[in-house]
């Protein structure tokens, strides 16, 4: 457990420092390649086959991911404790994506601040699943803020939580589920049945983390400065946290909307089709590029609080 605590803290620090350099190999990209390969081979237009093969894809991806992560970690610790600790630190670092989320969303901010709307649309297209060609400056900023808010849970708190209590193996299993959902969990003609198992599983594993993330973000809203309203964050959360097709996505989005005093969500285009969505938050003002920076501040403070809380829990088990 003491080595796990060292790896847990060190991996978090490494993520804040290094992020996810594009030129470096990353396990999640390998998982994504496997998902893409299986989707091409297994997806079927027949509903029953698509459902069955979708479950098969989930099983294969989780089995390969879990066994590979476990084997690497076991072999490293078997060779030497120091090597095992080093590998666990690296694996923990690769599971988290706090700085990466900030870096990618700030690319959108910089393009908007420079008046480059086409560049901003291209930048935001890298981090959202919706169609971006129709978005104006406010729409681009809102999409970036929503992504930071939602992924505070999916990309930061949830993997942190699973890694804290299950180590890198469980952490990577979570990342595999989340990656499958992001790739095939859409309700369109291609993925409606094939991606259903992955999408439902993602809903299940994110149920508790999303709610923990929401309450941590509410606390963060109280201590993040005068640009944030903690009381309103809680009010909007209680009112709007269920205004999404997913049981989890609106949890942190509603907190962020309330904390910043803006309105998020609403109708959006996906693969050329209009998807009707409820609004989250109150439209007290427009969404501006600066709100991306504010959302990232909430992301960092929320993540830091969660890291400290989980590290203390691990320390408790070590001591008692």
Foldseek 3Di string as FASTA:
>chain_A
DVLLLVLLVLLVVCCQVPADDPVDDAVLVVLLVLLVVLLVVQFDLDQVSLQVSLVVSLVVSLVVLLVVVVVVLVVQVVVDVVSSSVVLSNLSNRLAHLVVLLVLLVQLLVCVVVVNQVSNLVSLVVQDQFRRPPDDQLRSLQSSLLSLQQCLQLRFQLLSVQCLVPNSSSSRSSSSLSSLCVPQVDCDSRRVNNSVVSVVVNLVSRVVSLQLLLVLLLVCLVVLDDQFDSVQLVVLQVVCCPQDPRNRSSNRVLSLCRGRQDKHDAWTHGPRDIDGTDIGGDHPDGRHSVSSVVSSSSSVSSNVVSSVVSSVVSVVVVVD
